[in-house]
Amino acid sequence: MAPAMATKRLREELIKLKIEPPPGIIAEPDESNILKWFYVIRGPSDTPYEGGIYIGKLIFPSEYPMKAPSIHVLTPSGRFAINTQICMSMSNFHPESWNPMWSVATIIQGVQSFMASDEMTTGGLKASNSDRKKLAKFSTGYNQKNYPKLFDGDIEASLEEAAEVCQKAEEENAKSTSDSTGKTSSSTRRSRRTPRKAGTTEQENSEEDADKDSNGGSTVNEQKSTLSRRERRLAKMAPVSEKEKPDQKKEKIDNSNGSGDEMNNREHTSTSVTTKDISPAEIEKRRKRNAQKRAKQKAKKSASSVPEDSV
């Protein structure tokens, strides 16, 4: 009787093979011994084995999956000796390279790939391509004669059924991947929107979204809040409307100290122009220049008012 660990693992792999069979591969355990498996592979495309159907056998140790199985090919191919252990990295010939994560499907796919190579190893054969093509042609008849009960006595039908299951599984996986991608994109777009304010109508929310789209993802109020104090002050000094005439909207640059000095008045008068003719940046530049002049004038007055005794 097979150990519990090996039995459990092999049963799980059998279920997976039935649900998602690899392309061109079928496998099933012996009815009386789950450690003994039979498999079938189609000859690799663009090789002398193309069109051939090859039966093989896997013998698993009781320590599986901690130890590797022995691998055999039962159908003549000109590539492997029949019913002889094959030396592969996945076989018991190389226990040091065995990986417990490998499965029945992985091993059989490895045999299929190794068959297409020309690497000579224990259990391998040398033959001409013409001989291998002939053996591929007669492989179906050989299998029916020598292994008539395997896979319900119809290996070809079993392969076709497995191919249909494989195609259906691939379509379902592609569909689920597409659906999950669409849901992720939708949730990402929703997360980028700001939370709705309480008491707002659907029309107001739609208008807010439209403002965001037209302003690169931020609302008008959000853009206003990012303006500095200086930018807001300059914006207030800008003309209210293009329709207003220059002589109706004239502003004098603010004199912060209100000294009434004649020089300041002249400067103040000379800089009194319409805000339409002078940009906010120029207004700010003149204001700073006037402030510097006023500061110098104050310093001169203070110096002249100091009593001579104190000097």
C-alpha atoms as a PDB file:
ATOM      1  CA  MET A   1       0.000   0.000   0.000  1.00  0.00           C
ATOM      2  CA  ALA A   2       1.302   3.446  -0.965  1.00  0.00           C
ATOM      3  CA  PRO A   3       2.202   5.884   1.842  1.00  0.00           C
ATOM      4  CA  ALA A   4      -0.366   8.536   2.673  1.00  0.00           C
ATOM      5  CA  MET A   5       1.795  11.483   1.594  1.00  0.00           C
ATOM      6  CA  ALA A   6       2.505  10.074  -1.867  1.00  0.00           C
ATOM      7  CA  THR A   7      -1.106   8.944  -2.336  1.00  0.00           C
ATOM      8  CA  LYS A   8      -2.512  12.353  -1.409  1.00  0.00           C
ATOM      9  CA  ARG A   9      -0.092  14.190  -3.681  1.00  0.00           C
ATOM     10  CA  LEU A  10      -0.725  11.933  -6.692  1.00  0.00           C
ATOM     11  CA  ARG A  11      -4.504  12.151  -6.303  1.00  0.00           C
ATOM     12  CA  GLU A  12      -4.305  15.939  -6.272  1.00  0.00           C
ATOM     13  CA  GLU A  13      -2.179  15.884  -9.426  1.00  0.00           C
ATOM     14  CA  LEU A  14      -4.624  13.528 -11.147  1.00  0.00           C
ATOM     15  CA  ILE A  15      -7.492  15.961 -10.483  1.00  0.00           C
ATOM     16  CA  LYS A  16      -5.418  18.853 -11.829  1.00  0.00           C
ATOM     17  CA  LEU A  17      -4.544  16.881 -14.955  1.00  0.00           C
ATOM     18  CA  LYS A  18      -8.235  16.242 -15.607  1.00  0.00           C
ATOM     19  CA  ILE A  19      -9.129  19.914 -15.153  1.00  0.00           C
ATOM     20  CA  GLU A  20      -6.121  21.529 -16.882  1.00  0.00           C
ATOM     21  CA  PRO A  21      -4.305  18.959 -19.048  1.00  0.00           C
ATOM     22  CA  PRO A  22      -1.101  20.151 -20.768  1.00  0.00           C
ATOM     23  CA  PRO A  23      -1.289  20.304 -24.591  1.00  0.00           C
ATOM     24  CA  GLY A  24      -0.704  16.929 -26.263  1.00  0.00           C
ATOM     25  CA  ILE A  25      -0.429  15.004 -22.999  1.00  0.00           C
ATOM     26  CA  ILE A  26      -2.671  12.605 -21.052  1.00  0.00           C
ATOM     27  CA  ALA A  27      -1.865  10.456 -18.009  1.00  0.00           C
ATOM     28  CA  GLU A  28      -3.595   8.160 -15.511  1.00  0.00           C
ATOM     29  CA  PRO A  29      -2.514   5.848 -12.681  1.00  0.00           C
ATOM     30  CA  ASP A  30      -2.782   2.062 -12.727  1.00  0.00           C
ATOM     31  CA  GLU A  31      -6.068   0.895 -11.193  1.00  0.00           C
ATOM     32  CA  SER A  32      -4.323  -1.338  -8.670  1.00  0.00           C
ATOM     33  CA  ASN A  33      -1.265   0.814  -7.878  1.00  0.00           C
ATOM     34  CA  ILE A  34      -1.325   4.620  -7.706  1.00  0.00           C
ATOM     35  CA  LEU A  35       2.482   4.706  -7.734  1.00  0.00           C
ATOM     36  CA  LYS A  36       2.472   3.369 -11.299  1.00  0.00           C
ATOM     37  CA  TRP A  37       1.322   5.774 -14.014  1.00  0.00           C
ATOM     38  CA  PHE A  38       0.883   5.503 -17.782  1.00  0.00           C
ATOM     39  CA  TYR A  39       1.161   8.554 -19.983  1.00  0.00           C
ATOM     40  CA  VAL A  40       0.789   9.424 -23.670  1.00  0.00           C
ATOM     41  CA  ILE A  41       2.524  12.209 -25.571  1.00  0.00           C
ATOM     42  CA  ARG A  42       2.159  13.421 -29.128  1.00  0.00           C
ATOM     43  CA  GLY A  43       5.370  13.669 -31.113  1.00  0.00           C
ATOM     44  CA  PRO A  44       6.783  17.238 -30.997  1.00  0.00           C
ATOM     45  CA  SER A  45       5.996  19.404 -34.022  1.00  0.00           C
ATOM     46  CA  ASP A  46       8.639  20.001 -36.687  1.00  0.00           C
ATOM     47  CA  THR A  47      10.505  16.834 -35.696  1.00  0.00           C
ATOM     48  CA  PRO A  48      10.662  13.308 -37.173  1.00  0.00           C
ATOM     49  CA  TYR A  49       8.276  12.254 -34.365  1.00  0.00           C
ATOM     50  CA  GLU A  50       5.471  14.567 -35.495  1.00  0.00           C
ATOM     51  CA  GLY A  51       2.232  12.630 -35.965  1.00  0.00           C
ATOM     52  CA  GLY A  52       3.370   9.815 -33.687  1.00  0.00           C
ATOM     53  CA  ILE A  53       1.677   8.825 -30.421  1.00  0.00           C
ATOM     54  CA  TYR A  54       3.980   7.457 -27.740  1.00  0.00           C
ATOM     55  CA  ILE A  55       3.041   5.617 -24.546  1.00  0.00           C
ATOM     56  CA  GLY A  56       5.277   5.805 -21.487  1.00  0.00           C
ATOM     57  CA  LYS A  57       5.392   4.760 -17.847  1.00  0.00           C
ATOM     58  CA  LEU A  58       6.321   6.466 -14.559  1.00  0.00           C
ATOM     59  CA  ILE A  59       7.192   4.492 -11.404  1.00  0.00           C
ATOM     60  CA  PHE A  60       7.005   6.678  -8.294  1.00  0.00           C
ATOM     61  CA  PRO A  61       8.877   5.826  -5.083  1.00  0.00           C
ATOM     62  CA  SER A  62       7.014   5.607  -1.796  1.00  0.00           C
ATOM     63  CA  GLU A  63       8.873   8.783  -0.709  1.00  0.00           C
ATOM     64  CA  TYR A  64       7.357  10.872  -3.526  1.00  0.00           C
ATOM     65  CA  PRO A  65       7.373  13.866  -3.837  1.00  0.00           C
ATOM     66  CA  MET A  66      10.639  13.964  -1.910  1.00  0.00           C
ATOM     67  CA  LYS A  67      12.261  11.541  -4.379  1.00  0.00           C
ATOM     68  CA  ALA A  68      12.102  11.335  -8.176  1.00  0.00           C
ATOM     69  CA  PRO A  69      10.363   8.615 -10.226  1.00  0.00           C
ATOM     70  CA  SER A  70      11.828   6.367 -12.897  1.00  0.00           C
ATOM     71  CA  ILE A  71      10.857   7.246 -16.474  1.00  0.00           C
ATOM     72  CA  HIS A  72      10.193   4.798 -19.319  1.00  0.00           C
ATOM     73  CA  VAL A  73       8.948   4.969 -22.929  1.00  0.00           C
ATOM     74  CA  LEU A  74       6.968   1.932 -24.169  1.00  0.00           C
ATOM     75  CA  THR A  75       6.318   2.811 -27.831  1.00  0.00           C
ATOM     76  CA  PRO A  76       9.216   2.460 -30.347  1.00  0.00           C
ATOM     77  CA  SER A  77      10.391   5.894 -31.485  1.00  0.00           C
ATOM     78  CA  GLY A  78      14.007   5.579 -32.569  1.00  0.00           C
ATOM     79  CA  ARG A  79      14.838   8.079 -29.808  1.00  0.00           C
ATOM     80  CA  PHE A  80      14.434   5.951 -26.651  1.00  0.00           C
ATOM     81  CA  ALA A  81      14.859   2.237 -25.966  1.00  0.00           C
ATOM     82  CA  ILE A  82      11.482   0.724 -25.088  1.00  0.00           C
ATOM     83  CA  ASN A  83      10.716  -0.174 -21.470  1.00  0.00           C
ATOM     84  CA  THR A  84      14.119   1.090 -20.315  1.00  0.00           C
ATOM     85  CA  GLN A  85      14.831   3.696 -17.657  1.00  0.00           C
ATOM     86  CA  ILE A  86      15.796   7.031 -19.180  1.00  0.00           C
ATOM     87  CA  CYS A  87      18.467   9.220 -17.650  1.00  0.00           C
ATOM     88  CA  MET A  88      17.037  12.712 -17.154  1.00  0.00           C
ATOM     89  CA  SER A  89      17.427  15.446 -14.562  1.00  0.00           C
ATOM     90  CA  MET A  90      13.838  14.709 -13.514  1.00  0.00           C
ATOM     91  CA  SER A  91      14.396  10.990 -13.100  1.00  0.00           C
ATOM     92  CA  ASN A  92      15.831   8.897 -10.302  1.00  0.00           C
ATOM     93  CA  PHE A  93      19.182   8.928 -12.146  1.00  0.00           C
ATOM     94  CA  HIS A  94      19.841  12.388 -10.677  1.00  0.00           C
ATOM     95  CA  PRO A  95      18.412  12.609  -7.144  1.00  0.00           C
ATOM     96  CA  GLU A  96      20.589  15.663  -6.465  1.00  0.00           C
ATOM     97  CA  SER A  97      18.733  17.725  -9.091  1.00  0.00           C
ATOM     98  CA  TRP A  98      15.219  16.616  -8.163  1.00  0.00           C
ATOM     99  CA  ASN A  99      12.765  19.326  -7.105  1.00  0.00           C
ATOM    100  CA  PRO A 100       9.745  18.272  -4.964  1.00  0.00           C
ATOM    101  CA  MET A 101       7.727  21.037  -6.625  1.00  0.00           C
ATOM    102  CA  TRP A 102       7.816  19.146  -9.931  1.00  0.00           C
ATOM    103  CA  SER A 103       4.668  17.239 -10.750  1.00  0.00           C
ATOM    104  CA  VAL A 104       3.444  14.456 -13.053  1.00  0.00           C
ATOM    105  CA  ALA A 105       2.629  17.038 -15.740  1.00  0.00           C
ATOM    106  CA  THR A 106       6.068  18.661 -15.381  1.00  0.00           C
ATOM    107  CA  ILE A 107       7.834  15.316 -15.766  1.00  0.00           C
ATOM    108  CA  ILE A 108       5.862  14.278 -18.873  1.00  0.00           C
ATOM    109  CA  GLN A 109       6.406  17.666 -20.500  1.00  0.00           C
ATOM    110  CA  GLY A 110      10.114  17.204 -19.801  1.00  0.00           C
ATOM    111  CA  VAL A 111      10.074  13.865 -21.644  1.00  0.00           C
ATOM    112  CA  GLN A 112       8.329  15.503 -24.608  1.00  0.00           C
ATOM    113  CA  SER A 113      10.934  18.292 -24.783  1.00  0.00           C
ATOM    114  CA  PHE A 114      13.858  15.881 -24.275  1.00  0.00           C
ATOM    115  CA  MET A 115      12.557  13.745 -27.129  1.00  0.00           C
ATOM    116  CA  ALA A 116      13.039  16.627 -29.584  1.00  0.00           C
ATOM    117  CA  SER A 117      16.714  17.019 -28.638  1.00  0.00           C
ATOM    118  CA  ASP A 118      19.658  14.995 -29.904  1.00  0.00           C
ATOM    119  CA  GLU A 119      21.344  14.588 -26.539  1.00  0.00           C
ATOM    120  CA  MET A 120      22.494  11.023 -25.959  1.00  0.00           C
ATOM    121  CA  THR A 121      21.937   9.538 -22.528  1.00  0.00           C
ATOM    122  CA  THR A 122      21.201   6.248 -20.811  1.00  0.00           C
ATOM    123  CA  GLY A 123      18.095   4.813 -22.449  1.00  0.00           C
ATOM    124  CA  GLY A 124      18.618   6.860 -25.631  1.00  0.00           C
ATOM    125  CA  LEU A 125      18.991   5.543 -29.183  1.00  0.00           C
ATOM    126  CA  LYS A 126      20.512   6.681 -32.439  1.00  0.00           C
ATOM    127  CA  ALA A 127      18.426   6.337 -35.609  1.00  0.00           C
ATOM    128  CA  SER A 128      17.971   8.107 -38.930  1.00  0.00           C
ATOM    129  CA  ASN A 129      15.180  10.634 -39.382  1.00  0.00           C
ATOM    130  CA  SER A 130      13.551   8.411 -41.993  1.00  0.00           C
ATOM    131  CA  ASP A 131      13.399   5.482 -39.535  1.00  0.00           C
ATOM    132  CA  ARG A 132      11.956   7.731 -36.836  1.00  0.00           C
ATOM    133  CA  LYS A 133       9.272   8.990 -39.239  1.00  0.00           C
ATOM    134  CA  LYS A 134       8.307   5.404 -40.104  1.00  0.00           C
ATOM    135  CA  LEU A 135       8.042   4.495 -36.427  1.00  0.00           C
ATOM    136  CA  ALA A 136       5.886   7.598 -35.829  1.00  0.00           C
ATOM    137  CA  LYS A 137       3.568   6.458 -38.631  1.00  0.00           C
ATOM    138  CA  PHE A 138       3.165   2.953 -37.172  1.00  0.00           C
ATOM    139  CA  SER A 139       2.975   4.063 -33.524  1.00  0.00           C
ATOM    140  CA  THR A 140      -0.829   4.100 -33.339  1.00  0.00           C
ATOM    141  CA  GLY A 141      -1.114   0.500 -34.583  1.00  0.00           C
ATOM    142  CA  TYR A 142       1.610  -0.634 -32.200  1.00  0.00           C
ATOM    143  CA  ASN A 143      -0.187   0.928 -29.238  1.00  0.00           C
ATOM    144  CA  GLN A 144      -3.527  -0.636 -30.096  1.00  0.00           C
ATOM    145  CA  LYS A 145      -1.949  -4.066 -30.437  1.00  0.00           C
ATOM    146  CA  ASN A 146       0.167  -4.009 -27.280  1.00  0.00           C
ATOM    147  CA  TYR A 147      -1.811  -1.729 -24.941  1.00  0.00           C
ATOM    148  CA  PRO A 148      -5.470  -2.084 -25.972  1.00  0.00           C
ATOM    149  CA  LYS A 149      -6.967  -1.392 -22.529  1.00  0.00           C
ATOM    150  CA  LEU A 150      -5.153   1.828 -21.688  1.00  0.00           C
ATOM    151  CA  PHE A 151      -7.266   5.016 -21.604  1.00  0.00           C
ATOM    152  CA  ASP A 152     -10.525   3.084 -22.205  1.00  0.00           C
ATOM    153  CA  GLY A 153      -9.059   1.482 -25.311  1.00  0.00           C
ATOM    154  CA  ASP A 154      -9.111   4.723 -27.357  1.00  0.00           C
ATOM    155  CA  ILE A 155      -6.004   6.833 -26.899  1.00  0.00           C
ATOM    156  CA  GLU A 156      -6.791   9.163 -29.800  1.00  0.00           C
ATOM    157  CA  ALA A 157     -10.227  10.000 -28.409  1.00  0.00           C
ATOM    158  CA  SER A 158      -8.698  10.629 -24.981  1.00  0.00           C
ATOM    159  CA  LEU A 159      -6.168  13.013 -26.493  1.00  0.00           C
ATOM    160  CA  GLU A 160      -8.886  14.903 -28.365  1.00  0.00           C
ATOM    161  CA  GLU A 161     -11.016  15.163 -25.245  1.00  0.00           C
ATOM    162  CA  ALA A 162      -8.031  16.464 -23.266  1.00  0.00           C
ATOM    163  CA  ALA A 163      -7.329  19.024 -26.004  1.00  0.00           C
ATOM    164  CA  GLU A 164     -10.909  20.338 -25.758  1.00  0.00           C
ATOM    165  CA  VAL A 165     -10.659  20.624 -21.986  1.00  0.00           C
ATOM    166  CA  CYS A 166      -7.318  22.403 -22.334  1.00  0.00           C
ATOM    167  CA  GLN A 167      -8.760  24.913 -24.807  1.00  0.00           C
ATOM    168  CA  LYS A 168     -11.775  25.586 -22.605  1.00  0.00           C
ATOM    169  CA  ALA A 169      -9.557  26.128 -19.563  1.00  0.00           C
ATOM    170  CA  GLU A 170      -7.377  28.577 -21.498  1.00  0.00           C
ATOM    171  CA  GLU A 171     -10.447  30.553 -22.633  1.00  0.00           C
ATOM    172  CA  GLU A 172     -11.813  30.731 -19.094  1.00  0.00           C
ATOM    173  CA  ASN A 173      -8.440  31.858 -17.743  1.00  0.00           C
ATOM    174  CA  ALA A 174      -8.199  34.545 -20.419  1.00  0.00           C
ATOM    175  CA  LYS A 175     -11.720  35.747 -19.626  1.00  0.00           C
ATOM    176  CA  SER A 176     -11.113  35.868 -15.873  1.00  0.00           C
ATOM    177  CA  THR A 177      -7.856  37.747 -16.430  1.00  0.00           C
ATOM    178  CA  SER A 178      -9.631  40.262 -18.656  1.00  0.00           C
ATOM    179  CA  ASP A 179     -12.452  40.738 -16.115  1.00  0.00           C
ATOM    180  CA  SER A 180     -10.043  41.243 -13.224  1.00  0.00           C
ATOM    181  CA  THR A 181      -8.049  43.761 -15.255  1.00  0.00           C
ATOM    182  CA  GLY A 182     -11.220  45.703 -16.087  1.00  0.00           C
ATOM    183  CA  LYS A 183     -12.320  45.758 -12.442  1.00  0.00           C
ATOM    184  CA  THR A 184      -8.902  46.966 -11.333  1.00  0.00           C
ATOM    185  CA  SER A 185      -8.936  49.806 -13.879  1.00  0.00           C
ATOM    186  CA  SER A 186     -12.472  50.812 -12.859  1.00  0.00           C
ATOM    187  CA  SER A 187     -11.646  50.856  -9.149  1.00  0.00           C
ATOM    188  CA  THR A 188      -8.510  52.878  -9.846  1.00  0.00           C
ATOM    189  CA  ARG A 189     -10.514  55.507 -11.732  1.00  0.00           C
ATOM    190  CA  ARG A 190     -13.066  55.705  -8.907  1.00  0.00           C
ATOM    191  CA  SER A 191     -10.353  56.084  -6.268  1.00  0.00           C
ATOM    192  CA  ARG A 192      -8.940  59.109  -8.094  1.00  0.00           C
ATOM    193  CA  ARG A 193     -12.196  61.028  -7.669  1.00  0.00           C
ATOM    194  CA  THR A 194     -12.565  63.101  -4.507  1.00  0.00           C
ATOM    195  CA  PRO A 195     -15.356  62.124  -2.072  1.00  0.00           C
ATOM    196  CA  ARG A 196     -18.741  63.698  -2.712  1.00  0.00           C
ATOM    197  CA  LYS A 197     -19.804  66.501  -0.415  1.00  0.00           C
ATOM    198  CA  ALA A 198     -22.877  65.927   1.690  1.00  0.00           C
ATOM    199  CA  GLY A 199     -25.999  67.659   0.428  1.00  0.00           C
ATOM    200  CA  THR A 200     -24.817  68.105  -3.158  1.00  0.00           C
ATOM    201  CA  THR A 201     -26.971  67.004  -6.053  1.00  0.00           C
ATOM    202  CA  GLU A 202     -25.945  64.637  -8.810  1.00  0.00           C
ATOM    203  CA  GLN A 203     -25.859  67.551 -11.277  1.00  0.00           C
ATOM    204  CA  GLU A 204     -23.456  69.490  -9.026  1.00  0.00           C
ATOM    205  CA  ASN A 205     -21.252  66.422  -8.698  1.00  0.00           C
ATOM    206  CA  SER A 206     -21.216  65.997 -12.480  1.00  0.00           C
ATOM    207  CA  GLU A 207     -20.273  69.647 -12.935  1.00  0.00           C
ATOM    208  CA  GLU A 208     -17.444  69.222 -10.427  1.00  0.00           C
ATOM    209  CA  ASP A 209     -16.150  66.187 -12.335  1.00  0.00           C
ATOM    210  CA  ALA A 210     -16.286  68.178 -15.567  1.00  0.00           C
ATOM    211  CA  ASP A 211     -14.258  70.960 -13.936  1.00  0.00           C
ATOM    212  CA  LYS A 212     -11.696  68.387 -12.848  1.00  0.00           C
ATOM    213  CA  ASP A 213     -11.383  66.928 -16.323  1.00  0.00           C
ATOM    214  CA  SER A 214     -10.922  70.346 -17.923  1.00  0.00           C
ATOM    215  CA  ASN A 215      -8.404  71.506 -15.299  1.00  0.00           C
ATOM    216  CA  GLY A 216      -6.160  68.446 -15.240  1.00  0.00           C
ATOM    217  CA  GLY A 217      -7.910  66.653 -12.370  1.00  0.00           C
ATOM    218  CA  SER A 218      -8.395  69.600  -9.897  1.00  0.00           C
ATOM    219  CA  THR A 219     -11.444  71.791  -9.318  1.00  0.00           C
ATOM    220  CA  VAL A 220     -11.530  75.568  -9.696  1.00  0.00           C
ATOM    221  CA  ASN A 221     -11.775  76.029  -5.908  1.00  0.00           C
ATOM    222  CA  GLU A 222      -8.751  73.780  -5.395  1.00  0.00           C
ATOM    223  CA  GLN A 223      -6.783  75.840  -7.912  1.00  0.00           C
ATOM    224  CA  LYS A 224      -7.779  79.093  -6.171  1.00  0.00           C
ATOM    225  CA  SER A 225      -6.666  77.796  -2.786  1.00  0.00           C
ATOM    226  CA  THR A 226      -3.185  77.123  -4.138  1.00  0.00           C
ATOM    227  CA  LEU A 227      -2.626  80.815  -5.071  1.00  0.00           C
ATOM    228  CA  SER A 228      -0.265  82.728  -2.822  1.00  0.00           C
ATOM    229  CA  ARG A 229      -1.313  85.922  -1.015  1.00  0.00           C
ATOM    230  CA  ARG A 230       0.755  87.998  -3.397  1.00  0.00           C
ATOM    231  CA  GLU A 231      -0.875  86.407  -6.454  1.00  0.00           C
ATOM    232  CA  ARG A 232      -4.354  87.002  -5.020  1.00  0.00           C
ATOM    233  CA  ARG A 233      -3.507  90.646  -4.249  1.00  0.00           C
ATOM    234  CA  LEU A 234      -2.208  91.194  -7.759  1.00  0.00           C
ATOM    235  CA  ALA A 235      -5.258  89.479  -9.189  1.00  0.00           C
ATOM    236  CA  LYS A 236      -7.510  91.953  -7.326  1.00  0.00           C
ATOM    237  CA  MET A 237      -5.539  94.861  -8.794  1.00  0.00           C
ATOM    238  CA  ALA A 238      -6.169  93.548 -12.331  1.00  0.00           C
ATOM    239  CA  PRO A 239      -8.989  95.130 -14.385  1.00  0.00           C
ATOM    240  CA  VAL A 240     -12.467  93.846 -13.571  1.00  0.00           C
ATOM    241  CA  SER A 241     -13.720  93.856 -17.153  1.00  0.00           C
ATOM    242  CA  GLU A 242     -12.336  94.442 -20.629  1.00  0.00           C
ATOM    243  CA  LYS A 243     -15.333  96.636 -21.395  1.00  0.00           C
ATOM    244  CA  GLU A 244     -14.465  99.268 -18.798  1.00  0.00           C
ATOM    245  CA  LYS A 245     -12.651 102.314 -20.173  1.00  0.00           C
ATOM    246  CA  PRO A 246      -9.185 103.278 -18.934  1.00  0.00           C
ATOM    247  CA  ASP A 247     -10.357 106.680 -17.693  1.00  0.00           C
ATOM    248  CA  GLN A 248     -13.072 105.032 -15.559  1.00  0.00           C
ATOM    249  CA  LYS A 249     -10.698 102.618 -13.776  1.00  0.00           C
ATOM    250  CA  LYS A 250      -7.578 104.422 -12.608  1.00  0.00           C
ATOM    251  CA  GLU A 251      -5.759 103.491  -9.434  1.00  0.00           C
ATOM    252  CA  LYS A 252      -2.931 105.150  -7.641  1.00  0.00           C
ATOM    253  CA  ILE A 253      -0.222 102.979  -6.226  1.00  0.00           C
ATOM    254  CA  ASP A 254      -0.694 102.698  -2.531  1.00  0.00           C
ATOM    255  CA  ASN A 255       1.556 105.002  -0.444  1.00  0.00           C
ATOM    256  CA  SER A 256       2.043 103.004   2.756  1.00  0.00           C
ATOM    257  CA  ASN A 257       3.507 105.758   5.009  1.00  0.00           C
ATOM    258  CA  GLY A 258       1.204 108.639   3.788  1.00  0.00           C
ATOM    259  CA  SER A 259       4.046 111.170   4.322  1.00  0.00           C
ATOM    260  CA  GLY A 260       2.630 113.757   1.880  1.00  0.00           C
ATOM    261  CA  ASP A 261       6.122 114.605   0.807  1.00  0.00           C
ATOM    262  CA  GLU A 262       6.338 116.532  -2.458  1.00  0.00           C
ATOM    263  CA  MET A 263       8.748 114.063  -4.009  1.00  0.00           C
ATOM    264  CA  ASN A 264       6.491 111.178  -3.078  1.00  0.00           C
ATOM    265  CA  ASN A 265       3.511 113.018  -4.527  1.00  0.00           C
ATOM    266  CA  ARG A 266       5.346 113.524  -7.801  1.00  0.00           C
ATOM    267  CA  GLU A 267       6.363 109.902  -7.913  1.00  0.00           C
ATOM    268  CA  HIS A 268       2.906 108.882  -6.834  1.00  0.00           C
ATOM    269  CA  THR A 269       1.326 110.978  -9.562  1.00  0.00           C
ATOM    270  CA  SER A 270       3.728 109.769 -12.240  1.00  0.00           C
ATOM    271  CA  THR A 271       2.948 106.149 -11.427  1.00  0.00           C
ATOM    272  CA  SER A 272      -0.818 106.676 -11.396  1.00  0.00           C
ATOM    273  CA  VAL A 273      -1.866 104.819 -14.488  1.00  0.00           C
ATOM    274  CA  THR A 274      -4.597 102.481 -15.405  1.00  0.00           C
ATOM    275  CA  THR A 275      -4.153  98.864 -14.391  1.00  0.00           C
ATOM    276  CA  LYS A 276      -4.953  97.929 -17.950  1.00  0.00           C
ATOM    277  CA  ASP A 277      -1.731  99.609 -19.177  1.00  0.00           C
ATOM    278  CA  ILE A 278       0.580  98.199 -16.484  1.00  0.00           C
ATOM    279  CA  SER A 279       0.911  94.551 -15.628  1.00  0.00           C
ATOM    280  CA  PRO A 280       0.668  93.369 -11.991  1.00  0.00           C
ATOM    281  CA  ALA A 281       4.374  92.502 -12.051  1.00  0.00           C
ATOM    282  CA  GLU A 282       5.310  96.070 -13.072  1.00  0.00           C
ATOM    283  CA  ILE A 283       3.042  97.515 -10.358  1.00  0.00           C
ATOM    284  CA  GLU A 284       4.773  95.394  -7.749  1.00  0.00           C
ATOM    285  CA  LYS A 285       8.207  96.434  -9.010  1.00  0.00           C
ATOM    286  CA  ARG A 286       7.323 100.170  -8.798  1.00  0.00           C
ATOM    287  CA  ARG A 287       5.839  99.742  -5.350  1.00  0.00           C
ATOM    288  CA  LYS A 288       9.075  98.243  -4.059  1.00  0.00           C
ATOM    289  CA  ARG A 289      11.146 101.006  -5.671  1.00  0.00           C
ATOM    290  CA  ASN A 290       8.977 103.739  -4.065  1.00  0.00           C
ATOM    291  CA  ALA A 291       9.221 102.027  -0.698  1.00  0.00           C
ATOM    292  CA  GLN A 292      13.020 102.055  -0.918  1.00  0.00           C
ATOM    293  CA  LYS A 293      13.047 105.791  -1.738  1.00  0.00           C
ATOM    294  CA  ARG A 294      10.736 106.543   1.180  1.00  0.00           C
ATOM    295  CA  ALA A 295      12.986 104.580   3.505  1.00  0.00           C
ATOM    296  CA  LYS A 296      16.039 106.606   2.368  1.00  0.00           C
ATOM    297  CA  GLN A 297      14.119 109.882   2.838  1.00  0.00           C
ATOM    298  CA  LYS A 298      13.145 108.917   6.376  1.00  0.00           C
ATOM    299  CA  ALA A 299      16.735 108.114   7.182  1.00  0.00           C
ATOM    300  CA  LYS A 300      17.859 111.545   5.950  1.00  0.00           C
ATOM    301  CA  LYS A 301      15.201 113.363   8.037  1.00  0.00           C
ATOM    302  CA  SER A 302      16.167 111.444  11.123  1.00  0.00           C
ATOM    303  CA  ALA A 303      19.823 112.335  10.635  1.00  0.00           C
ATOM    304  CA  SER A 304      19.075 116.062  10.165  1.00  0.00           C
ATOM    305  CA  SER A 305      16.876 116.284  13.281  1.00  0.00           C
ATOM    306  CA  VAL A 306      19.579 115.003  15.702  1.00  0.00           C
ATOM    307  CA  PRO A 307      20.810 117.896  17.998  1.00  0.00           C
ATOM    308  CA  GLU A 308      24.364 119.026  17.486  1.00  0.00           C
ATOM    309  CA  ASP A 309      25.141 118.548  21.206  1.00  0.00           C
ATOM    310  CA  SER A 310      24.403 114.892  20.928  1.00  0.00           C
ATOM    311  CA  VAL A 311      26.963 114.671  18.121  1.00  0.00           C
END
